[in-house]
Amino acid sequence: MSLPLQSKSLHALQDGRFSRLGSEKEVSTDAWVIAATNRDLKADVAAGRFREDLYHRLSTITLHIEPLRNRKEDIPPLIEYYSKIFTAKRGGTDSNPLSSTAIGKLLEHSWPGNVRELQNVLQRLIILGDSESLITNLIAPTTTLRSSQNALGPDFASTNWIDYLGLKSSGLWDGNFSLHAIKKKASSMVERQMISQVLAKTGWNRMRAKKLLGIDYKSLLSKIQELDLQPPPELQ
């Protein structure tokens, strides 16, 4: 949050009054505010990145939630809760779409991205199907990346990171270490893989595929052409 926005937030919290964007009329409110962050706000206050008065205004009651890796007992109910939501969104009725083997593999993961990462993996599992190989592909890279960072030190960027992304084996990496270029190519590779898998799962039914991918039909056709995706011979 920028310092000017912090100032406006403090004013609204202190006085209970604010103006809507583009309006000069003040609105009064007696709402309670719940704020969440993954940053060390005390350190940000000391560094001048966060207003001390706003910090004290927000920290009336503070709850510290441990990372998901430190509370593995929360993972099964979270899996059940989000699986129901994501399954219902896609018109399914199965209240338990994941097998016990799949849940066991998810419990073994350290979840560096916490609940957001768990949500993302569950959505992809429900879209693409519950299989051990798929789960390994979805959650193993973060573990590989973390162990590579610890083991390889300064040589990591020029060796394992490129291998980890699969850019070298995919033919997408041309030796350019530009972060922007690598990010673009890695994104294209992941996008191609996801669209290909969804199309294969739906038998190249583009209407079903665009619904599962959450994009419109025109965008899907554009991506198919851009990524040069071809249906199998029997569907051509």
C-alpha atoms as a PDB file:
ATOM      1  CA  MET A   1       0.000   0.000   0.000  1.00  0.00           C
ATOM      2  CA  SER A   2       1.466   3.353  -1.031  1.00  0.00           C
ATOM      3  CA  LEU A   3       2.058   6.034   1.606  1.00  0.00           C
ATOM      4  CA  PRO A   4      -0.642   8.385   0.162  1.00  0.00           C
ATOM      5  CA  LEU A   5      -3.176   5.531   0.302  1.00  0.00           C
ATOM      6  CA  GLN A   6      -2.060   4.747   3.851  1.00  0.00           C
ATOM      7  CA  SER A   7      -2.836   8.357   4.792  1.00  0.00           C
ATOM      8  CA  LYS A   8      -6.339   8.131   3.323  1.00  0.00           C
ATOM      9  CA  SER A   9      -6.948   4.789   5.029  1.00  0.00           C
ATOM     10  CA  LEU A  10      -5.887   6.248   8.376  1.00  0.00           C
ATOM     11  CA  HIS A  11      -8.276   9.176   7.926  1.00  0.00           C
ATOM     12  CA  ALA A  12     -11.172   6.820   7.168  1.00  0.00           C
ATOM     13  CA  LEU A  13     -10.366   4.584  10.152  1.00  0.00           C
ATOM     14  CA  GLN A  14      -9.990   7.466  12.600  1.00  0.00           C
ATOM     15  CA  ASP A  15     -12.972   9.594  11.569  1.00  0.00           C
ATOM     16  CA  GLY A  16     -15.238   6.964  10.039  1.00  0.00           C
ATOM     17  CA  ARG A  17     -15.692   9.249   7.029  1.00  0.00           C
ATOM     18  CA  PHE A  18     -14.521   8.933   3.427  1.00  0.00           C
ATOM     19  CA  SER A  19     -15.354  10.081  -0.092  1.00  0.00           C
ATOM     20  CA  ARG A  20     -16.042   7.693  -2.950  1.00  0.00           C
ATOM     21  CA  LEU A  21     -13.695   7.873  -5.914  1.00  0.00           C
ATOM     22  CA  GLY A  22     -14.669  10.845  -8.086  1.00  0.00           C
ATOM     23  CA  SER A  23     -17.124  12.213  -5.515  1.00  0.00           C
ATOM     24  CA  GLU A  24     -16.813  15.205  -3.194  1.00  0.00           C
ATOM     25  CA  LYS A  25     -19.572  13.963  -0.864  1.00  0.00           C
ATOM     26  CA  GLU A  26     -18.376  12.415   2.383  1.00  0.00           C
ATOM     27  CA  VAL A  27     -19.887   9.163   3.581  1.00  0.00           C
ATOM     28  CA  SER A  28     -20.019   8.104   7.222  1.00  0.00           C
ATOM     29  CA  THR A  29     -19.548   4.510   8.353  1.00  0.00           C
ATOM     30  CA  ASP A  30     -19.207   2.594  11.602  1.00  0.00           C
ATOM     31  CA  ALA A  31     -17.852  -0.567   9.948  1.00  0.00           C
ATOM     32  CA  TRP A  32     -15.285  -2.772  11.620  1.00  0.00           C
ATOM     33  CA  VAL A  33     -12.147  -3.362   9.566  1.00  0.00           C
ATOM     34  CA  ILE A  34     -10.262  -6.664   9.364  1.00  0.00           C
ATOM     35  CA  ALA A  35      -6.857  -6.416   7.683  1.00  0.00           C
ATOM     36  CA  ALA A  36      -4.451  -9.191   6.701  1.00  0.00           C
ATOM     37  CA  THR A  37      -0.849  -9.147   5.520  1.00  0.00           C
ATOM     38  CA  ASN A  38       2.057 -11.511   4.984  1.00  0.00           C
ATOM     39  CA  ARG A  39       4.579  -8.732   5.674  1.00  0.00           C
ATOM     40  CA  ASP A  40       6.427  -7.812   8.880  1.00  0.00           C
ATOM     41  CA  LEU A  41       4.736  -4.467   9.478  1.00  0.00           C
ATOM     42  CA  LYS A  42       6.985  -3.595  12.420  1.00  0.00           C
ATOM     43  CA  ALA A  43       9.994  -3.882  10.111  1.00  0.00           C
ATOM     44  CA  ASP A  44       8.169  -1.830   7.456  1.00  0.00           C
ATOM     45  CA  VAL A  45       7.423   0.868  10.066  1.00  0.00           C
ATOM     46  CA  ALA A  46      11.100   0.968  11.071  1.00  0.00           C
ATOM     47  CA  ALA A  47      12.107   1.238   7.405  1.00  0.00           C
ATOM     48  CA  GLY A  48       9.606   4.048   6.751  1.00  0.00           C
ATOM     49  CA  ARG A  49       7.488   1.983   4.359  1.00  0.00           C
ATOM     50  CA  PHE A  50       4.439   1.877   6.624  1.00  0.00           C
ATOM     51  CA  ARG A  51       2.924   4.605   8.780  1.00  0.00           C
ATOM     52  CA  GLU A  52       3.333   3.970  12.498  1.00  0.00           C
ATOM     53  CA  ASP A  53       0.010   5.631  13.352  1.00  0.00           C
ATOM     54  CA  LEU A  54      -1.821   3.416  10.842  1.00  0.00           C
ATOM     55  CA  TYR A  55      -0.047   0.353  12.249  1.00  0.00           C
ATOM     56  CA  HIS A  56      -1.285   1.128  15.763  1.00  0.00           C
ATOM     57  CA  ARG A  57      -4.776   1.830  14.447  1.00  0.00           C
ATOM     58  CA  LEU A  58      -4.926  -1.571  12.719  1.00  0.00           C
ATOM     59  CA  SER A  59      -3.219  -3.645  15.427  1.00  0.00           C
ATOM     60  CA  THR A  60      -5.853  -3.239  18.158  1.00  0.00           C
ATOM     61  CA  ILE A  61      -6.325  -7.017  18.108  1.00  0.00           C
ATOM     62  CA  THR A  62      -3.645  -9.065  16.377  1.00  0.00           C
ATOM     63  CA  LEU A  63      -3.897 -12.706  15.345  1.00  0.00           C
ATOM     64  CA  HIS A  64      -0.827 -14.523  14.082  1.00  0.00           C
ATOM     65  CA  ILE A  65      -1.606 -17.459  11.771  1.00  0.00           C
ATOM     66  CA  GLU A  66       1.162 -19.976  11.188  1.00  0.00           C
ATOM     67  CA  PRO A  67       2.065 -20.968   7.598  1.00  0.00           C
ATOM     68  CA  LEU A  68       0.088 -23.910   6.257  1.00  0.00           C
ATOM     69  CA  ARG A  69       3.153 -26.171   6.475  1.00  0.00           C
ATOM     70  CA  ASN A  70       3.087 -25.745  10.278  1.00  0.00           C
ATOM     71  CA  ARG A  71      -0.592 -26.680  10.621  1.00  0.00           C
ATOM     72  CA  LYS A  72      -1.016 -29.757   8.454  1.00  0.00           C
ATOM     73  CA  GLU A  73      -4.159 -30.689  10.419  1.00  0.00           C
ATOM     74  CA  ASP A  74      -5.951 -27.807   8.630  1.00  0.00           C
ATOM     75  CA  ILE A  75      -5.234 -29.177   5.160  1.00  0.00           C
ATOM     76  CA  PRO A  76      -7.902 -31.969   4.975  1.00  0.00           C
ATOM     77  CA  PRO A  77     -10.828 -29.677   5.956  1.00  0.00           C
ATOM     78  CA  LEU A  78      -9.523 -27.007   3.582  1.00  0.00           C
ATOM     79  CA  ILE A  79      -9.333 -29.579   0.773  1.00  0.00           C
ATOM     80  CA  GLU A  80     -12.901 -30.682   1.496  1.00  0.00           C
ATOM     81  CA  TYR A  81     -14.208 -27.117   1.675  1.00  0.00           C
ATOM     82  CA  TYR A  82     -12.585 -25.782  -1.484  1.00  0.00           C
ATOM     83  CA  SER A  83     -13.171 -29.009  -3.446  1.00  0.00           C
ATOM     84  CA  LYS A  84     -16.917 -28.624  -2.891  1.00  0.00           C
ATOM     85  CA  ILE A  85     -16.810 -24.994  -4.047  1.00  0.00           C
ATOM     86  CA  PHE A  86     -14.726 -25.640  -7.171  1.00  0.00           C
ATOM     87  CA  THR A  87     -16.678 -28.780  -8.106  1.00  0.00           C
ATOM     88  CA  ALA A  88     -20.014 -26.948  -7.766  1.00  0.00           C
ATOM     89  CA  LYS A  89     -18.743 -24.060  -9.918  1.00  0.00           C
ATOM     90  CA  ARG A  90     -18.129 -26.517 -12.747  1.00  0.00           C
ATOM     91  CA  GLY A  91     -21.515 -28.154 -12.429  1.00  0.00           C
ATOM     92  CA  GLY A  92     -20.286 -31.247 -10.616  1.00  0.00           C
ATOM     93  CA  THR A  93     -21.984 -32.999  -7.711  1.00  0.00           C
ATOM     94  CA  ASP A  94     -19.169 -35.131  -6.289  1.00  0.00           C
ATOM     95  CA  SER A  95     -18.567 -33.873  -2.737  1.00  0.00           C
ATOM     96  CA  ASN A  96     -15.239 -35.710  -2.520  1.00  0.00           C
ATOM     97  CA  PRO A  97     -13.587 -35.580  -5.972  1.00  0.00           C
ATOM     98  CA  LEU A  98     -10.086 -36.448  -4.699  1.00  0.00           C
ATOM     99  CA  SER A  99      -8.917 -39.921  -3.732  1.00  0.00           C
ATOM    100  CA  SER A 100      -7.260 -40.716  -0.410  1.00  0.00           C
ATOM    101  CA  THR A 101      -3.969 -41.176  -2.300  1.00  0.00           C
ATOM    102  CA  ALA A 102      -4.278 -37.685  -3.771  1.00  0.00           C
ATOM    103  CA  ILE A 103      -5.052 -36.161  -0.374  1.00  0.00           C
ATOM    104  CA  GLY A 104      -2.070 -37.995   1.117  1.00  0.00           C
ATOM    105  CA  LYS A 105       0.248 -36.487  -1.502  1.00  0.00           C
ATOM    106  CA  LEU A 106      -1.157 -33.024  -0.842  1.00  0.00           C
ATOM    107  CA  LEU A 107      -0.491 -33.485   2.888  1.00  0.00           C
ATOM    108  CA  GLU A 108       3.179 -34.231   2.164  1.00  0.00           C
ATOM    109  CA  HIS A 109       3.706 -30.903   0.379  1.00  0.00           C
ATOM    110  CA  SER A 110       5.175 -27.926   2.304  1.00  0.00           C
ATOM    111  CA  TRP A 111       2.865 -25.318   0.670  1.00  0.00           C
ATOM    112  CA  PRO A 112       5.186 -22.303   0.414  1.00  0.00           C
ATOM    113  CA  GLY A 113       2.293 -20.420  -1.201  1.00  0.00           C
ATOM    114  CA  ASN A 114      -0.021 -21.291   1.715  1.00  0.00           C
ATOM    115  CA  VAL A 115      -3.813 -21.451   1.146  1.00  0.00           C
ATOM    116  CA  ARG A 116      -3.677 -19.630  -2.213  1.00  0.00           C
ATOM    117  CA  GLU A 117      -1.351 -22.307  -3.587  1.00  0.00           C
ATOM    118  CA  LEU A 118      -3.629 -25.044  -2.230  1.00  0.00           C
ATOM    119  CA  GLN A 119      -6.645 -23.412  -3.899  1.00  0.00           C
ATOM    120  CA  ASN A 120      -4.798 -23.193  -7.210  1.00  0.00           C
ATOM    121  CA  VAL A 121      -3.689 -26.841  -7.138  1.00  0.00           C
ATOM    122  CA  LEU A 122      -7.180 -28.061  -6.184  1.00  0.00           C
ATOM    123  CA  GLN A 123      -8.778 -26.138  -9.065  1.00  0.00           C
ATOM    124  CA  ARG A 124      -6.361 -27.674 -11.559  1.00  0.00           C
ATOM    125  CA  LEU A 125      -6.836 -31.166 -10.117  1.00  0.00           C
ATOM    126  CA  ILE A 126     -10.619 -30.896 -10.391  1.00  0.00           C
ATOM    127  CA  ILE A 127     -10.374 -29.588 -13.972  1.00  0.00           C
ATOM    128  CA  LEU A 128      -7.768 -32.027 -15.248  1.00  0.00           C
ATOM    129  CA  GLY A 129      -8.542 -35.096 -13.147  1.00  0.00           C
ATOM    130  CA  ASP A 130      -7.231 -36.767 -10.022  1.00  0.00           C
ATOM    131  CA  SER A 131      -4.054 -38.662 -10.884  1.00  0.00           C
ATOM    132  CA  GLU A 132      -0.820 -39.258  -9.002  1.00  0.00           C
ATOM    133  CA  SER A 133       1.365 -38.133 -11.901  1.00  0.00           C
ATOM    134  CA  LEU A 134      -0.577 -34.894 -12.248  1.00  0.00           C
ATOM    135  CA  ILE A 135      -0.245 -34.127  -8.525  1.00  0.00           C
ATOM    136  CA  THR A 136       3.501 -34.763  -8.693  1.00  0.00           C
ATOM    137  CA  ASN A 137       3.831 -32.344 -11.611  1.00  0.00           C
ATOM    138  CA  LEU A 138       1.780 -29.689  -9.838  1.00  0.00           C
ATOM    139  CA  ILE A 139       3.480 -29.670  -6.451  1.00  0.00           C
ATOM    140  CA  ALA A 140       6.980 -31.095  -6.965  1.00  0.00           C
ATOM    141  CA  PRO A 141       8.593 -28.074  -8.720  1.00  0.00           C
ATOM    142  CA  THR A 142       8.445 -25.832  -5.627  1.00  0.00           C
ATOM    143  CA  THR A 143      10.238 -28.485  -3.567  1.00  0.00           C
ATOM    144  CA  THR A 144      12.834 -28.947  -6.317  1.00  0.00           C
ATOM    145  CA  LEU A 145      13.365 -25.209  -6.583  1.00  0.00           C
ATOM    146  CA  ARG A 146      13.835 -24.746  -2.853  1.00  0.00           C
ATOM    147  CA  SER A 147      16.334 -27.630  -2.509  1.00  0.00           C
ATOM    148  CA  SER A 148      18.224 -26.438  -5.597  1.00  0.00           C
ATOM    149  CA  GLN A 149      18.584 -22.954  -4.120  1.00  0.00           C
ATOM    150  CA  ASN A 150      20.078 -24.374  -0.938  1.00  0.00           C
ATOM    151  CA  ALA A 151      22.416 -26.816  -2.676  1.00  0.00           C
ATOM    152  CA  LEU A 152      23.667 -24.897  -5.717  1.00  0.00           C
ATOM    153  CA  GLY A 153      24.253 -21.396  -4.386  1.00  0.00           C
ATOM    154  CA  PRO A 154      25.403 -18.807  -6.963  1.00  0.00           C
ATOM    155  CA  ASP A 155      25.440 -21.291  -9.852  1.00  0.00           C
ATOM    156  CA  PHE A 156      21.709 -21.938  -9.488  1.00  0.00           C
ATOM    157  CA  ALA A 157      20.590 -19.258 -11.982  1.00  0.00           C
ATOM    158  CA  SER A 158      22.770 -20.574 -14.781  1.00  0.00           C
ATOM    159  CA  THR A 159      22.068 -24.284 -14.270  1.00  0.00           C
ATOM    160  CA  ASN A 160      19.152 -25.801 -12.403  1.00  0.00           C
ATOM    161  CA  TRP A 161      16.713 -22.908 -12.730  1.00  0.00           C
ATOM    162  CA  ILE A 162      16.579 -23.243 -16.505  1.00  0.00           C
ATOM    163  CA  ASP A 163      16.247 -27.025 -16.169  1.00  0.00           C
ATOM    164  CA  TYR A 164      13.628 -26.619 -13.460  1.00  0.00           C
ATOM    165  CA  LEU A 165      11.415 -24.553 -15.732  1.00  0.00           C
ATOM    166  CA  GLY A 166      11.903 -27.054 -18.536  1.00  0.00           C
ATOM    167  CA  LEU A 167      12.853 -24.269 -20.929  1.00  0.00           C
ATOM    168  CA  LYS A 168      15.940 -26.012 -22.247  1.00  0.00           C
ATOM    169  CA  SER A 169      14.209 -29.314 -22.959  1.00  0.00           C
ATOM    170  CA  SER A 170      11.223 -27.527 -24.508  1.00  0.00           C
ATOM    171  CA  GLY A 171      13.428 -25.616 -26.936  1.00  0.00           C
ATOM    172  CA  LEU A 172      12.114 -22.287 -25.645  1.00  0.00           C
ATOM    173  CA  TRP A 173      15.347 -21.106 -24.027  1.00  0.00           C
ATOM    174  CA  ASP A 174      17.854 -19.424 -26.320  1.00  0.00           C
ATOM    175  CA  GLY A 175      20.497 -18.581 -23.722  1.00  0.00           C
ATOM    176  CA  ASN A 176      18.974 -15.178 -22.946  1.00  0.00           C
ATOM    177  CA  PHE A 177      18.984 -14.546 -19.165  1.00  0.00           C
ATOM    178  CA  SER A 178      16.650 -11.546 -19.418  1.00  0.00           C
ATOM    179  CA  LEU A 179      14.064 -12.036 -16.662  1.00  0.00           C
ATOM    180  CA  HIS A 180      11.331 -10.552 -18.865  1.00  0.00           C
ATOM    181  CA  ALA A 181      12.150 -12.901 -21.748  1.00  0.00           C
ATOM    182  CA  ILE A 182      12.350 -15.986 -19.511  1.00  0.00           C
ATOM    183  CA  LYS A 183       9.094 -15.077 -17.765  1.00  0.00           C
ATOM    184  CA  LYS A 184       7.320 -14.671 -21.102  1.00  0.00           C
ATOM    185  CA  LYS A 185       8.602 -17.970 -22.458  1.00  0.00           C
ATOM    186  CA  ALA A 186       7.880 -19.884 -19.252  1.00  0.00           C
ATOM    187  CA  SER A 187       4.373 -18.427 -19.156  1.00  0.00           C
ATOM    188  CA  SER A 188       3.801 -19.470 -22.762  1.00  0.00           C
ATOM    189  CA  MET A 189       5.000 -23.000 -21.986  1.00  0.00           C
ATOM    190  CA  VAL A 190       2.671 -23.374 -18.981  1.00  0.00           C
ATOM    191  CA  GLU A 191      -0.240 -21.859 -20.914  1.00  0.00           C
ATOM    192  CA  ARG A 192       0.315 -24.266 -23.804  1.00  0.00           C
ATOM    193  CA  GLN A 193       0.461 -27.272 -21.465  1.00  0.00           C
ATOM    194  CA  MET A 194      -2.694 -26.324 -19.571  1.00  0.00           C
ATOM    195  CA  ILE A 195      -4.755 -25.573 -22.690  1.00  0.00           C
ATOM    196  CA  SER A 196      -3.533 -28.770 -24.361  1.00  0.00           C
ATOM    197  CA  GLN A 197      -4.516 -30.892 -21.358  1.00  0.00           C
ATOM    198  CA  VAL A 198      -7.959 -29.313 -21.065  1.00  0.00           C
ATOM    199  CA  LEU A 199      -8.613 -29.749 -24.793  1.00  0.00           C
ATOM    200  CA  ALA A 200      -7.496 -33.387 -24.587  1.00  0.00           C
ATOM    201  CA  LYS A 201      -9.709 -34.003 -21.553  1.00  0.00           C
ATOM    202  CA  THR A 202     -12.761 -32.538 -23.304  1.00  0.00           C
ATOM    203  CA  GLY A 203     -12.078 -34.338 -26.590  1.00  0.00           C
ATOM    204  CA  TRP A 204     -11.350 -30.953 -28.182  1.00  0.00           C
ATOM    205  CA  ASN A 205     -14.845 -29.718 -27.334  1.00  0.00           C
ATOM    206  CA  ARG A 206     -13.976 -26.032 -27.428  1.00  0.00           C
ATOM    207  CA  MET A 207     -17.175 -24.896 -25.701  1.00  0.00           C
ATOM    208  CA  ARG A 208     -16.468 -27.122 -22.694  1.00  0.00           C
ATOM    209  CA  ALA A 209     -12.788 -26.219 -22.735  1.00  0.00           C
ATOM    210  CA  LYS A 210     -13.386 -22.468 -22.667  1.00  0.00           C
ATOM    211  CA  LYS A 211     -15.730 -22.921 -19.687  1.00  0.00           C
ATOM    212  CA  LEU A 212     -13.163 -24.953 -17.763  1.00  0.00           C
ATOM    213  CA  LEU A 213     -10.399 -22.474 -18.572  1.00  0.00           C
ATOM    214  CA  GLY A 214     -12.558 -19.492 -17.630  1.00  0.00           C
ATOM    215  CA  ILE A 215     -12.040 -17.612 -20.904  1.00  0.00           C
ATOM    216  CA  ASP A 216     -14.365 -16.681 -23.735  1.00  0.00           C
ATOM    217  CA  TYR A 217     -14.649 -18.737 -26.925  1.00  0.00           C
ATOM    218  CA  LYS A 218     -12.884 -16.172 -29.115  1.00  0.00           C
ATOM    219  CA  SER A 219      -9.916 -15.990 -26.727  1.00  0.00           C
ATOM    220  CA  LEU A 220      -9.605 -19.788 -26.724  1.00  0.00           C
ATOM    221  CA  LEU A 221      -9.564 -19.940 -30.529  1.00  0.00           C
ATOM    222  CA  SER A 222      -6.953 -17.177 -30.565  1.00  0.00           C
ATOM    223  CA  LYS A 223      -4.783 -19.090 -28.093  1.00  0.00           C
ATOM    224  CA  ILE A 224      -5.104 -22.321 -30.085  1.00  0.00           C
ATOM    225  CA  GLN A 225      -3.878 -20.496 -33.175  1.00  0.00           C
ATOM    226  CA  GLU A 226      -1.174 -18.541 -31.325  1.00  0.00           C
ATOM    227  CA  LEU A 227       0.238 -21.668 -29.661  1.00  0.00           C
ATOM    228  CA  ASP A 228      -0.166 -23.728 -32.851  1.00  0.00           C
ATOM    229  CA  LEU A 229      -2.198 -26.446 -31.129  1.00  0.00           C
ATOM    230  CA  GLN A 230      -3.518 -29.227 -33.335  1.00  0.00           C
ATOM    231  CA  PRO A 231      -6.208 -31.825 -32.501  1.00  0.00           C
ATOM    232  CA  PRO A 232      -5.264 -35.491 -32.835  1.00  0.00           C
ATOM    233  CA  PRO A 233      -5.780 -36.967 -36.340  1.00  0.00           C
ATOM    234  CA  GLU A 234      -8.999 -38.757 -35.381  1.00  0.00           C
ATOM    235  CA  LEU A 235     -10.605 -35.435 -34.428  1.00  0.00           C
ATOM    236  CA  GLN A 236      -9.424 -33.431 -37.429  1.00  0.00           C
END
